[in-house]
Every structure is written in C-alpha cells, then in structure tokens.
C-alpha cells in the first residue's frame, strides 16, 4: 500500500469521527506495511480529552504489539498533531509521521511549540506534511462551517 492509500484510510476514520459529532481527525498506524490500528477522534463519545485519534491508535498498537515502543512504525494523521499527541509520538518512538493539513492554532509539529525541535525532546520522527492536505483541510472546514450554521 502507498502513503496516499494509508492517508485515505485516515480520511475514512476522520469522516467517521465527523459522523459521530467529533472533530474530524483520523489516524492510521502502520508497521511493515500492515495497518496495526486505525481510529478517529472520540473525545466526546468517551468523555476523555485525551481521546485524540493519534492517542487511540498509539494505545491500540501498543496493546496489539505487546510493547510500549513503536519503533519502525509510521503514523498517518489528517491533522498536524497537538503538543499532547506530539509528546506521545516521541515517547512511543514513532519512526515517521505523515500528516494532512497543518494546524496554525493547535499544531505542535511545524506550528506552535514545534515539539520535535525542542532540546528536551527525546525522539523526533521523520515528518512529512501535506499528504492529502486539501482533502483533510476541506473536511475540517466543512465540519466547523456546519457547526457555526
């Protein structure tokens, strides 16, 4: 499977999150070409502010693989991770991060605190922004426009 295909799976999860009334963010975690975990935001559903898509797939992958480190795993997510999620990616030792659209307000990778560039960051994944950027941005814009209507 190609990067674009994994991001399409993440977009499917984001659409599912939107259908549940969640902010439409989806994530897919891949190890050796196999999807280990996929999910979308579930903060409202679970009444848990940490139930971001990235956190959910990291937790599921760790359980599935029986380890706390996800060295060699790649994460595909539709939105630039926030500081909490960037920290989790670092601690999990995610190899590569592919994300759709940047988040000037809440992102922490290429915006805001730039978590992986901090001297206190123990591990920084390779970062590839802009994968299915327009589709990711359009989904988010549509969701928030609908909320404001």
N, C-alpha and C. Protein backbone atom coordinates (compact mmCIF):
# COMPACT_ATOMS: atom_id res chain seq x y z
N UNK A 1 0.85 -1.18 0.00
CA UNK A 1 0.00 0.00 0.00
C UNK A 1 0.90 1.25 0.00
N UNK A 2 0.43 2.30 -0.64
CA UNK A 2 1.20 3.53 -0.73
C UNK A 2 0.75 4.53 0.32
N UNK A 3 1.61 5.54 0.54
CA UNK A 3 1.29 6.59 1.51
C UNK A 3 -0.09 7.17 1.31
N UNK A 4 -0.43 7.47 0.07
CA UNK A 4 -1.72 8.08 -0.24
C UNK A 4 -2.86 7.16 0.20
N UNK A 5 -2.68 5.85 0.04
CA UNK A 5 -3.72 4.89 0.44
C UNK A 5 -3.89 4.87 1.95
N UNK A 6 -2.81 4.92 2.70
CA UNK A 6 -2.92 4.96 4.17
C UNK A 6 -3.61 6.24 4.61
N UNK A 7 -3.30 7.34 3.92
CA UNK A 7 -3.96 8.60 4.27
C UNK A 7 -5.44 8.54 3.92
N UNK A 8 -5.81 7.83 2.89
CA UNK A 8 -7.23 7.66 2.57
C UNK A 8 -7.94 6.90 3.70
N UNK A 9 -7.27 5.92 4.27
CA UNK A 9 -7.84 5.22 5.43
C UNK A 9 -8.01 6.18 6.60
N UNK A 10 -7.03 7.04 6.81
CA UNK A 10 -7.14 8.04 7.88
C UNK A 10 -8.29 9.00 7.61
N UNK A 11 -8.48 9.38 6.36
CA UNK A 11 -9.61 10.23 6.00
C UNK A 11 -10.94 9.53 6.25
N UNK A 12 -11.01 8.23 5.99
CA UNK A 12 -12.23 7.46 6.31
C UNK A 12 -12.52 7.54 7.80
N UNK A 13 -11.48 7.40 8.61
CA UNK A 13 -11.66 7.49 10.07
C UNK A 13 -12.09 8.89 10.48
N UNK A 14 -11.56 9.90 9.81
CA UNK A 14 -11.95 11.28 10.10
C UNK A 14 -13.42 11.51 9.75
N UNK A 15 -13.85 10.96 8.63
CA UNK A 15 -15.27 11.07 8.25
C UNK A 15 -16.16 10.38 9.28
N UNK A 16 -15.71 9.24 9.76
CA UNK A 16 -16.46 8.54 10.81
C UNK A 16 -16.54 9.36 12.08
N UNK A 17 -15.46 10.03 12.42
CA UNK A 17 -15.46 10.91 13.60
C UNK A 17 -16.47 12.03 13.41
N UNK A 18 -16.49 12.64 12.23
CA UNK A 18 -17.44 13.72 11.96
C UNK A 18 -18.87 13.21 12.08
N UNK A 19 -19.14 12.01 11.59
CA UNK A 19 -20.48 11.43 11.68
C UNK A 19 -20.91 11.22 13.13
N UNK A 20 -19.94 11.04 14.02
CA UNK A 20 -20.23 10.89 15.46
C UNK A 20 -20.30 12.23 16.17
N UNK A 21 -20.08 13.33 15.43
CA UNK A 21 -20.09 14.66 16.04
C UNK A 21 -18.76 15.07 16.62
N UNK A 22 -17.73 14.32 16.30
CA UNK A 22 -16.37 14.61 16.77
C UNK A 22 -15.65 15.49 15.75
N UNK A 23 -14.63 16.21 16.21
CA UNK A 23 -13.78 16.93 15.26
C UNK A 23 -13.19 15.87 14.32
N UNK A 24 -13.32 16.07 13.01
CA UNK A 24 -12.94 15.04 12.05
C UNK A 24 -11.44 14.89 11.85
N UNK A 25 -10.85 14.14 12.75
CA UNK A 25 -9.43 13.78 12.63
C UNK A 25 -9.35 12.27 12.68
N UNK A 26 -8.60 11.70 11.74
CA UNK A 26 -8.40 10.26 11.70
C UNK A 26 -6.94 9.92 11.66
N UNK A 27 -6.60 8.73 12.16
CA UNK A 27 -5.21 8.29 12.20
C UNK A 27 -5.12 6.80 11.89
N UNK A 28 -3.99 6.44 11.29
CA UNK A 28 -3.70 5.05 10.95
C UNK A 28 -2.25 4.80 11.33
N UNK A 29 -2.00 3.70 12.04
CA UNK A 29 -0.64 3.34 12.42
C UNK A 29 -0.24 2.08 11.66
N UNK A 30 0.92 2.14 11.00
CA UNK A 30 1.36 1.08 10.10
C UNK A 30 2.72 0.55 10.56
N UNK A 31 2.84 -0.78 10.53
CA UNK A 31 4.11 -1.44 10.83
C UNK A 31 4.41 -2.43 9.72
N UNK A 32 5.55 -2.28 9.08
CA UNK A 32 5.96 -3.18 8.00
C UNK A 32 4.86 -3.36 6.95
N UNK A 33 4.21 -2.26 6.58
CA UNK A 33 3.20 -2.30 5.54
C UNK A 33 1.85 -2.85 5.98
N UNK A 34 1.69 -3.13 7.27
CA UNK A 34 0.43 -3.66 7.79
C UNK A 34 -0.21 -2.63 8.71
N UNK A 35 -1.50 -2.38 8.50
CA UNK A 35 -2.22 -1.46 9.39
C UNK A 35 -2.42 -2.17 10.73
N UNK A 36 -1.83 -1.59 11.77
CA UNK A 36 -1.92 -2.16 13.11
C UNK A 36 -3.12 -1.57 13.86
N UNK A 37 -3.40 -0.29 13.63
CA UNK A 37 -4.51 0.36 14.31
C UNK A 37 -5.00 1.53 13.48
N UNK A 38 -6.29 1.81 13.59
CA UNK A 38 -6.88 2.96 12.92
C UNK A 38 -8.07 3.42 13.74
N UNK A 39 -8.25 4.74 13.80
CA UNK A 39 -9.36 5.29 14.58
C UNK A 39 -9.50 6.76 14.28
N UNK A 40 -10.58 7.33 14.77
CA UNK A 40 -10.82 8.77 14.66
C UNK A 40 -11.03 9.33 16.05
N UNK A 41 -11.08 10.64 16.14
CA UNK A 41 -11.29 11.29 17.44
C UNK A 41 -12.51 10.70 18.14
N UNK A 42 -12.42 10.58 19.46
CA UNK A 42 -13.53 10.06 20.27
C UNK A 42 -13.62 10.80 21.62
N UNK A 43 -13.24 12.07 21.64
CA UNK A 43 -13.22 12.80 22.92
C UNK A 43 -14.61 12.97 23.50
N UNK A 44 -15.59 13.29 22.66
CA UNK A 44 -16.97 13.49 23.14
C UNK A 44 -17.60 12.15 23.52
N UNK A 45 -17.43 11.18 22.66
CA UNK A 45 -18.02 9.86 22.89
C UNK A 45 -17.55 9.24 24.20
N UNK A 46 -16.26 9.38 24.48
CA UNK A 46 -15.67 8.74 25.67
C UNK A 46 -15.55 9.68 26.87
N UNK A 47 -15.92 10.95 26.67
CA UNK A 47 -15.77 11.96 27.72
C UNK A 47 -14.31 11.98 28.22
N UNK A 48 -13.40 11.97 27.24
CA UNK A 48 -11.97 11.88 27.54
C UNK A 48 -11.21 12.86 26.64
N UNK A 49 -10.68 13.94 27.21
CA UNK A 49 -9.97 14.93 26.38
C UNK A 49 -8.69 14.39 25.74
N UNK A 50 -8.23 13.23 26.18
CA UNK A 50 -7.03 12.66 25.56
C UNK A 50 -7.35 11.67 24.44
N UNK A 51 -8.62 11.49 24.12
CA UNK A 51 -9.02 10.50 23.12
C UNK A 51 -8.90 11.06 21.69
N UNK A 52 -7.76 11.68 21.41
CA UNK A 52 -7.46 12.12 20.05
C UNK A 52 -7.14 10.88 19.23
N UNK A 53 -7.35 10.97 17.92
CA UNK A 53 -7.12 9.83 17.03
C UNK A 53 -5.71 9.25 17.21
N UNK A 54 -4.71 10.13 17.30
CA UNK A 54 -3.32 9.65 17.44
C UNK A 54 -3.13 8.86 18.73
N UNK A 55 -3.69 9.35 19.81
CA UNK A 55 -3.55 8.68 21.10
C UNK A 55 -4.23 7.31 21.06
N UNK A 56 -5.40 7.26 20.44
CA UNK A 56 -6.13 5.99 20.37
C UNK A 56 -5.38 4.94 19.57
N UNK A 57 -4.79 5.34 18.43
CA UNK A 57 -4.08 4.33 17.63
C UNK A 57 -2.76 3.94 18.28
N UNK A 58 -2.11 4.86 18.96
CA UNK A 58 -0.88 4.50 19.68
C UNK A 58 -1.21 3.49 20.78
N UNK A 59 -2.26 3.75 21.56
CA UNK A 59 -2.65 2.82 22.62
C UNK A 59 -3.00 1.45 22.05
N UNK A 60 -3.81 1.44 20.98
CA UNK A 60 -4.23 0.17 20.38
C UNK A 60 -3.03 -0.59 19.81
N UNK A 61 -2.12 0.10 19.16
CA UNK A 61 -0.94 -0.56 18.58
C UNK A 61 -0.04 -1.13 19.67
N UNK A 62 0.14 -0.40 20.74
CA UNK A 62 0.96 -0.91 21.84
C UNK A 62 0.35 -2.18 22.42
N UNK A 63 -0.97 -2.18 22.61
CA UNK A 63 -1.65 -3.38 23.11
C UNK A 63 -1.50 -4.54 22.12
N UNK A 64 -1.74 -4.25 20.85
CA UNK A 64 -1.69 -5.29 19.81
C UNK A 64 -0.30 -5.90 19.67
N UNK A 65 0.72 -5.03 19.72
CA UNK A 65 2.09 -5.50 19.54
C UNK A 65 2.74 -5.94 20.85
N UNK A 66 2.10 -5.64 21.98
CA UNK A 66 2.62 -6.05 23.28
C UNK A 66 3.89 -5.32 23.67
N UNK A 67 3.96 -4.04 23.35
CA UNK A 67 5.16 -3.26 23.67
C UNK A 67 4.80 -1.79 23.80
N UNK A 68 5.61 -1.04 24.53
CA UNK A 68 5.35 0.39 24.69
C UNK A 68 6.08 1.24 23.67
N UNK A 69 6.99 0.68 22.93
CA UNK A 69 7.72 1.39 21.89
C UNK A 69 7.23 0.93 20.53
N UNK A 70 7.04 1.87 19.65
CA UNK A 70 6.55 1.56 18.30
C UNK A 70 7.62 1.89 17.27
N UNK A 71 8.85 1.56 17.61
CA UNK A 71 9.98 1.78 16.72
C UNK A 71 9.70 1.06 15.40
N UNK A 72 9.92 1.75 14.30
CA UNK A 72 9.68 1.15 13.00
C UNK A 72 8.26 1.34 12.50
N UNK A 73 7.40 1.97 13.31
CA UNK A 73 6.02 2.21 12.90
C UNK A 73 5.86 3.63 12.35
N UNK A 74 4.92 3.76 11.44
CA UNK A 74 4.62 5.05 10.83
C UNK A 74 3.19 5.44 11.16
N UNK A 75 2.98 6.73 11.41
CA UNK A 75 1.66 7.24 11.74
C UNK A 75 1.18 8.18 10.64
N UNK A 76 -0.03 7.96 10.17
CA UNK A 76 -0.69 8.81 9.20
C UNK A 76 -1.86 9.46 9.91
N UNK A 77 -1.91 10.79 9.90
CA UNK A 77 -2.99 11.50 10.58
C UNK A 77 -3.41 12.69 9.72
N UNK A 78 -4.69 13.00 9.74
CA UNK A 78 -5.22 14.01 8.84
C UNK A 78 -4.90 15.44 9.26
N UNK A 79 -4.56 15.65 10.52
CA UNK A 79 -4.27 16.99 11.03
C UNK A 79 -2.95 16.98 11.80
N UNK A 80 -2.19 18.05 11.68
CA UNK A 80 -0.94 18.20 12.42
C UNK A 80 -1.19 17.93 13.91
N UNK A 81 -0.43 17.05 14.53
CA UNK A 81 -0.64 16.73 15.94
C UNK A 81 -0.44 17.92 16.88
N UNK A 82 -1.23 17.90 17.96
CA UNK A 82 -1.10 18.88 19.03
C UNK A 82 0.10 18.52 19.91
N UNK A 83 0.37 19.32 20.92
CA UNK A 83 1.52 19.07 21.81
C UNK A 83 1.39 17.74 22.53
N UNK A 84 0.18 17.41 23.01
CA UNK A 84 -0.02 16.14 23.71
C UNK A 84 0.31 14.97 22.80
N UNK A 85 -0.22 15.01 21.59
CA UNK A 85 -0.01 13.90 20.66
C UNK A 85 1.44 13.84 20.17
N UNK A 86 2.05 15.00 19.95
CA UNK A 86 3.47 15.02 19.55
C UNK A 86 4.32 14.39 20.65
N UNK A 87 4.01 14.69 21.90
CA UNK A 87 4.74 14.07 23.01
C UNK A 87 4.57 12.57 23.01
N UNK A 88 3.36 12.09 22.77
CA UNK A 88 3.11 10.65 22.73
C UNK A 88 3.86 10.00 21.58
N UNK A 89 3.90 10.66 20.43
CA UNK A 89 4.65 10.12 19.28
C UNK A 89 6.13 9.97 19.64
N UNK A 90 6.66 10.98 20.32
CA UNK A 90 8.06 10.94 20.72
C UNK A 90 8.33 9.80 21.70
N UNK A 91 7.50 9.70 22.73
CA UNK A 91 7.71 8.65 23.74
C UNK A 91 7.50 7.26 23.16
N UNK A 92 6.61 7.13 22.17
CA UNK A 92 6.37 5.84 21.53
C UNK A 92 7.45 5.49 20.51
N UNK A 93 8.28 6.47 20.19
CA UNK A 93 9.38 6.28 19.22
C UNK A 93 8.86 5.98 17.81
N UNK A 94 7.78 6.66 17.43
CA UNK A 94 7.23 6.52 16.08
C UNK A 94 8.33 6.89 15.07
N UNK A 95 8.49 6.09 14.03
CA UNK A 95 9.56 6.31 13.05
C UNK A 95 9.26 7.50 12.14
N UNK A 96 8.05 7.50 11.54
CA UNK A 96 7.69 8.56 10.60
C UNK A 96 6.28 9.05 10.89
N UNK A 97 6.11 10.36 10.75
CA UNK A 97 4.80 10.99 10.86
C UNK A 97 4.44 11.59 9.52
N UNK A 98 3.29 11.20 8.98
CA UNK A 98 2.74 11.78 7.76
C UNK A 98 1.45 12.46 8.18
N UNK A 99 1.32 13.76 7.89
CA UNK A 99 0.05 14.39 8.24
C UNK A 99 -0.50 15.20 7.09
N UNK A 100 -1.83 15.38 7.14
CA UNK A 100 -2.54 16.05 6.06
C UNK A 100 -2.36 17.55 6.07
N UNK A 101 -3.11 18.22 6.91
CA UNK A 101 -3.08 19.68 6.92
C UNK A 101 -2.48 20.20 8.22
N UNK A 102 -1.81 21.33 8.11
CA UNK A 102 -1.22 21.98 9.28
C UNK A 102 -2.31 22.59 10.15
N UNK A 103 -1.95 22.89 11.39
CA UNK A 103 -2.89 23.48 12.34
C UNK A 103 -2.21 24.67 13.00
N UNK A 104 -2.42 25.85 12.41
CA UNK A 104 -1.76 27.06 12.91
C UNK A 104 -2.14 27.38 14.35
N UNK A 105 -3.34 26.99 14.76
CA UNK A 105 -3.82 27.30 16.10
C UNK A 105 -3.40 26.28 17.15
N UNK A 106 -3.50 24.99 16.83
CA UNK A 106 -3.25 23.96 17.83
C UNK A 106 -2.14 22.98 17.51
N UNK A 107 -1.54 23.11 16.33
CA UNK A 107 -0.47 22.18 15.94
C UNK A 107 0.80 22.42 16.74
N UNK A 108 1.58 21.36 16.88
CA UNK A 108 2.81 21.47 17.68
C UNK A 108 4.01 20.83 16.99
N UNK A 109 3.89 20.57 15.69
CA UNK A 109 4.98 19.96 14.95
C UNK A 109 5.68 21.02 14.10
N UNK A 110 4.96 21.60 13.16
CA UNK A 110 5.51 22.66 12.33
C UNK A 110 4.97 24.03 12.71
N UNK A 111 4.04 24.07 13.63
CA UNK A 111 3.46 25.30 14.16
C UNK A 111 3.65 25.30 15.68
N UNK A 112 3.27 26.40 16.30
CA UNK A 112 3.30 26.48 17.76
C UNK A 112 4.65 26.13 18.36
N UNK A 113 4.65 25.23 19.35
CA UNK A 113 5.89 24.94 20.08
C UNK A 113 6.92 24.12 19.31
N UNK A 114 6.55 23.57 18.16
CA UNK A 114 7.48 22.73 17.38
C UNK A 114 8.18 21.72 18.29
N UNK A 115 7.36 20.87 18.84
CA UNK A 115 7.77 19.92 19.88
C UNK A 115 9.05 19.16 19.55
N UNK A 116 9.15 18.64 18.33
CA UNK A 116 10.28 17.79 17.97
C UNK A 116 11.60 18.56 17.86
N UNK A 117 11.52 19.89 17.78
CA UNK A 117 12.73 20.71 17.69
C UNK A 117 13.24 21.14 19.06
N UNK A 118 12.51 20.81 20.11
CA UNK A 118 12.91 21.24 21.46
C UNK A 118 14.07 20.38 21.97
N UNK A 119 14.99 20.98 22.71
CA UNK A 119 16.13 20.21 23.24
C UNK A 119 15.71 19.13 24.23
N UNK A 120 14.53 19.24 24.81
CA UNK A 120 14.06 18.23 25.76
C UNK A 120 13.35 17.06 25.09
N UNK A 121 13.19 17.11 23.77
CA UNK A 121 12.53 16.04 23.03
C UNK A 121 13.51 14.86 22.91
N UNK A 122 13.08 13.70 23.37
CA UNK A 122 13.95 12.51 23.37
C UNK A 122 14.05 11.82 22.02
N UNK A 123 12.99 11.92 21.24
CA UNK A 123 12.98 11.27 19.92
C UNK A 123 12.11 12.09 18.99
N UNK A 124 12.60 12.34 17.80
CA UNK A 124 11.82 13.06 16.79
C UNK A 124 11.65 12.16 15.57
N UNK A 125 10.41 11.92 15.18
CA UNK A 125 10.19 11.12 13.96
C UNK A 125 10.53 11.94 12.72
N UNK A 126 10.71 11.26 11.61
CA UNK A 126 10.77 11.97 10.34
C UNK A 126 9.37 12.51 10.10
N UNK A 127 9.26 13.74 9.62
CA UNK A 127 7.95 14.36 9.44
C UNK A 127 7.72 14.70 7.97
N UNK A 128 6.55 14.29 7.47
CA UNK A 128 6.16 14.54 6.08
C UNK A 128 4.77 15.19 6.08
N UNK A 129 4.72 16.52 6.00
CA UNK A 129 3.42 17.20 5.98
C UNK A 129 2.82 17.24 4.58
N UNK A 130 1.53 17.59 4.52
CA UNK A 130 0.89 17.85 3.25
C UNK A 130 0.41 16.65 2.47
N UNK A 131 0.29 15.48 3.11
CA UNK A 131 -0.22 14.30 2.43
C UNK A 131 -1.76 14.40 2.44
N UNK A 132 -2.38 14.45 1.28
CA UNK A 132 -3.84 14.65 1.15
C UNK A 132 -4.27 15.90 1.90
N UNK A 133 -3.47 16.94 1.78
CA UNK A 133 -3.69 18.18 2.52
C UNK A 133 -5.05 18.81 2.21
N UNK A 134 -5.40 18.93 0.95
CA UNK A 134 -6.66 19.59 0.58
C UNK A 134 -7.86 18.82 1.10
N UNK A 135 -7.85 17.51 0.96
CA UNK A 135 -8.97 16.69 1.44
C UNK A 135 -9.11 16.81 2.95
N UNK A 136 -8.01 16.81 3.66
CA UNK A 136 -8.04 16.94 5.12
C UNK A 136 -8.57 18.30 5.53
N UNK A 137 -8.08 19.36 4.89
CA UNK A 137 -8.50 20.72 5.22
C UNK A 137 -9.97 20.94 4.89
N UNK A 138 -10.41 20.42 3.75
CA UNK A 138 -11.80 20.58 3.33
C UNK A 138 -12.74 19.91 4.32
N UNK A 139 -12.39 18.73 4.79
CA UNK A 139 -13.21 18.02 5.77
C UNK A 139 -13.35 18.83 7.06
N UNK A 140 -12.25 19.36 7.54
CA UNK A 140 -12.28 20.16 8.77
C UNK A 140 -13.07 21.46 8.58
N UNK A 141 -12.81 22.15 7.49
CA UNK A 141 -13.55 23.41 7.23
C UNK A 141 -15.05 23.16 7.16
N UNK A 142 -15.45 22.13 6.43
CA UNK A 142 -16.87 21.81 6.30
C UNK A 142 -17.52 21.49 7.64
N UNK A 143 -16.80 20.75 8.47
CA UNK A 143 -17.31 20.39 9.79
C UNK A 143 -17.57 21.63 10.63
N UNK A 144 -16.59 22.54 10.67
CA UNK A 144 -16.74 23.73 11.51
C UNK A 144 -17.73 24.73 10.92
N UNK A 145 -17.84 24.80 9.60
CA UNK A 145 -18.86 25.66 8.98
C UNK A 145 -20.25 25.17 9.35
N UNK A 146 -20.42 23.88 9.32
CA UNK A 146 -21.72 23.28 9.67
C UNK A 146 -22.05 23.55 11.15
N UNK A 147 -21.06 23.49 12.01
CA UNK A 147 -21.27 23.76 13.44
C UNK A 147 -21.69 25.21 13.67
N UNK A 148 -21.15 26.11 12.87
CA UNK A 148 -21.47 27.54 13.03
C UNK A 148 -22.83 27.91 12.44
N UNK A 149 -23.37 27.06 11.56
CA UNK A 149 -24.66 27.36 10.89
C UNK A 149 -25.85 27.09 11.80
